[in-house]
Protein backbone atom coordinates (compact mmCIF):
# COMPACT_ATOMS: atom_id res chain seq x y z
CA UNK A 1 171.81 -49.29 -59.07
CA UNK A 2 167.34 -48.64 -59.55
CA UNK A 3 166.60 -44.92 -60.27
CA UNK A 4 164.74 -43.47 -57.27
CA UNK A 5 161.59 -41.62 -58.65
CA UNK A 6 161.40 -38.31 -57.05
CA UNK A 7 158.47 -38.26 -54.41
CA UNK A 8 155.07 -36.22 -55.05
CA UNK A 9 155.09 -32.72 -53.41
CA UNK A 10 152.65 -33.94 -49.87
CA UNK A 11 148.98 -33.08 -49.49
CA UNK A 12 148.69 -30.80 -46.66
CA UNK A 13 146.69 -31.81 -43.42
CA UNK A 14 143.42 -30.95 -44.71
CA UNK A 15 143.86 -32.45 -48.03
CA UNK A 16 144.98 -35.63 -46.42
CA UNK A 17 141.62 -34.68 -44.31
CA UNK A 18 139.49 -34.99 -47.48
CA UNK A 19 140.88 -37.88 -49.11
CA UNK A 20 140.49 -39.51 -46.17
CA UNK A 21 136.58 -38.42 -45.65
CA UNK A 22 136.23 -39.53 -49.89
CA UNK A 23 138.03 -43.19 -48.59
CA UNK A 24 134.96 -43.43 -45.58
CA UNK A 25 132.87 -43.16 -48.66
CA UNK A 26 132.09 -39.08 -47.49
CA UNK A 27 131.97 -37.39 -50.93
CA UNK A 28 132.22 -33.80 -49.35
CA UNK A 29 132.48 -30.60 -51.66
CA UNK A 30 134.85 -27.91 -51.24
CA UNK A 31 133.05 -25.86 -48.71
CA UNK A 32 131.46 -28.42 -46.49
CA UNK A 33 135.08 -29.90 -46.41
CA UNK A 34 136.25 -26.88 -45.56
CA UNK A 35 133.41 -26.74 -42.80
CA UNK A 36 133.98 -29.72 -41.17
CA UNK A 37 137.76 -29.05 -41.28
CA UNK A 38 137.06 -26.20 -39.12
CA UNK A 39 134.83 -28.14 -36.46
CA UNK A 40 137.27 -31.16 -35.75
CA UNK A 41 139.62 -30.80 -32.81
CA UNK A 42 143.36 -30.34 -32.61
CA UNK A 43 143.88 -33.69 -31.27
CA UNK A 44 141.61 -35.25 -34.34
CA UNK A 45 143.70 -32.16 -37.29
CA UNK A 46 146.60 -33.57 -35.17
CA UNK A 47 146.93 -36.96 -36.99
CA UNK A 48 146.37 -35.20 -40.35
CA UNK A 49 149.04 -33.18 -39.53
CA UNK A 50 151.41 -35.65 -38.52
CA UNK A 51 150.87 -37.70 -41.55
CA UNK A 52 151.77 -34.05 -43.33
CA UNK A 53 155.03 -33.31 -41.79
CA UNK A 54 156.23 -36.73 -41.80
CA UNK A 55 155.85 -36.66 -46.06
CA UNK A 56 157.17 -32.84 -45.81
CA UNK A 57 160.47 -33.99 -43.92
CA UNK A 58 160.74 -37.29 -46.70
CA UNK A 59 160.19 -34.39 -49.37
CA UNK A 60 162.49 -32.23 -48.09
CA UNK A 61 165.43 -34.66 -47.45
CA UNK A 62 164.86 -36.43 -51.66
CA UNK A 63 164.75 -32.52 -52.76
CA UNK A 64 168.44 -31.68 -50.74
CA UNK A 65 170.13 -34.73 -51.34
CA UNK A 66 169.49 -35.81 -54.85
CA UNK A 67 167.88 -32.57 -56.40
CA UNK A 68 170.19 -30.50 -54.46
CA UNK A 69 167.72 -27.81 -54.00
CA UNK A 70 167.63 -26.77 -50.22
CA UNK A 71 163.55 -25.88 -49.59
CA UNK A 72 163.48 -23.37 -47.37
CA UNK A 73 166.92 -22.58 -46.57
CA UNK A 74 167.22 -18.54 -46.73
CA UNK A 75 164.31 -16.12 -46.12
CA UNK A 76 166.91 -13.27 -47.53
CA UNK A 77 166.57 -12.35 -50.69
CA UNK A 78 170.14 -12.60 -51.25
CA UNK A 79 170.90 -15.74 -50.63
CA UNK A 80 169.05 -17.22 -53.80
CA UNK A 81 169.74 -21.28 -53.83
CA UNK A 82 172.07 -21.67 -57.41
CA UNK A 83 170.05 -22.38 -60.28
CA UNK A 84 172.24 -24.97 -61.61
CA UNK A 85 171.63 -28.31 -60.67
CA UNK A 86 173.59 -29.47 -57.85
CA UNK A 87 172.86 -33.49 -59.64
CA UNK A 88 174.47 -32.24 -62.97
CA UNK A 89 177.26 -30.36 -61.50
CA UNK A 90 177.99 -34.13 -59.74
CA UNK A 91 177.74 -35.86 -63.31
CA UNK A 92 179.82 -33.38 -65.09
CA UNK A 93 182.76 -33.53 -62.53
CA UNK A 94 182.43 -36.93 -61.58
CA UNK A 95 183.52 -38.04 -64.95
CA UNK A 96 186.91 -37.54 -63.80
CA UNK A 97 188.60 -40.55 -62.02
CA UNK A 98 189.79 -38.72 -59.19
CA UNK A 99 186.12 -37.06 -58.42
CA UNK A 100 184.68 -40.49 -56.57
CA UNK A 101 182.14 -38.38 -54.51
CA UNK A 102 181.03 -34.77 -54.02
CA UNK A 103 179.16 -32.84 -51.28
CA UNK A 104 176.13 -31.20 -51.27
CA UNK A 105 177.95 -28.04 -49.96
CA UNK A 106 180.51 -28.27 -53.17
CA UNK A 107 177.77 -29.08 -55.54
CA UNK A 108 176.41 -25.37 -54.09
CA UNK A 109 179.57 -24.10 -54.31
CA UNK A 110 180.07 -24.95 -57.98
CA UNK A 111 176.97 -23.94 -58.52
CA UNK A 112 177.65 -19.76 -57.30
CA UNK A 113 181.06 -19.79 -59.01
CA UNK A 114 179.25 -20.46 -62.27
CA UNK A 115 176.02 -18.23 -61.68
CA UNK A 116 178.80 -15.46 -60.92
CA UNK A 117 180.77 -16.49 -63.63
CA UNK A 118 177.76 -16.35 -66.05
CA UNK A 119 176.28 -13.16 -64.30
CA UNK A 120 180.13 -11.66 -65.38
CA UNK A 121 180.13 -13.04 -68.52
CA UNK A 122 176.73 -11.87 -69.36
CA UNK A 123 177.86 -8.40 -68.69
CA UNK A 124 180.74 -8.75 -70.60
CA UNK A 125 178.21 -9.58 -73.76
CA UNK A 126 175.91 -6.92 -73.33
CA UNK A 127 178.89 -4.39 -73.50
CA UNK A 128 180.32 -5.59 -76.49
CA UNK A 129 176.15 -5.84 -77.83
CA UNK A 130 176.29 -2.04 -76.85
CA UNK A 131 179.60 -1.22 -78.26
CA UNK A 132 178.95 -3.16 -81.85
CA UNK A 133 175.55 -2.45 -82.30
CA UNK A 134 174.39 -5.84 -82.26
CA UNK A 135 170.54 -6.74 -80.58
CA UNK A 136 171.35 -10.27 -80.41
CA UNK A 137 174.33 -12.64 -78.42
CA UNK A 138 175.98 -14.27 -80.99
CA UNK A 139 179.25 -16.55 -80.84
CA UNK A 140 180.93 -13.41 -82.47
CA UNK A 141 179.65 -11.27 -79.49
CA UNK A 142 180.58 -13.98 -76.87
CA UNK A 143 184.05 -14.24 -78.39
CA UNK A 144 184.61 -10.53 -77.94
CA UNK A 145 183.41 -10.73 -74.51
CA UNK A 146 185.92 -13.48 -73.52
CA UNK A 147 188.61 -11.71 -75.49
CA UNK A 148 187.64 -8.48 -73.60
CA UNK A 149 187.44 -10.20 -70.13
CA UNK A 150 190.72 -10.36 -67.68
CA UNK A 151 188.15 -12.86 -66.01
CA UNK A 152 187.96 -15.25 -69.22
CA UNK A 153 191.51 -15.62 -69.73
CA UNK A 154 191.11 -19.31 -69.12
CA UNK A 155 188.98 -19.55 -72.19
CA UNK A 156 190.75 -17.28 -74.67
CA UNK A 157 193.10 -20.61 -75.50
CA UNK A 158 190.14 -22.60 -76.51
CA UNK A 159 189.75 -21.91 -80.46
CA UNK A 160 185.49 -23.19 -80.85
CA UNK A 161 182.92 -21.44 -78.47
CA UNK A 162 179.88 -23.31 -80.41
């Protein structure tokens, strides 16, 4: 399977108009192009706006399906997308023979679980740093944080952290 290269972020309707003008040999400066754009009728602008919306839809589809990012998915600050890449989560989980496919909602949920786990581990590590008068998170600090946290019981059996 050939790897699909990501599409470029689409140009806005105005920049599509500028590109069109340039292709017609009409090399305008920014100010002149802006003035000419303002003079266009809504019908003339609609051609460029339609082209932009189609390119934007293709770009957003790529972000959502391939990269695992939901563009403009929420206006609430509390509902930020996970910082963990969905394709990376799929590839890590996909190494298991019993997992053939994974939906985007599942990868988002796993990303959120990872985020919450890392946040909790970070709080525990910070408390360990303060308790031991350390300024840097080290393997020893993380080990102490894991040992102190009930939520990290599953990691306590692991002997190597690095």
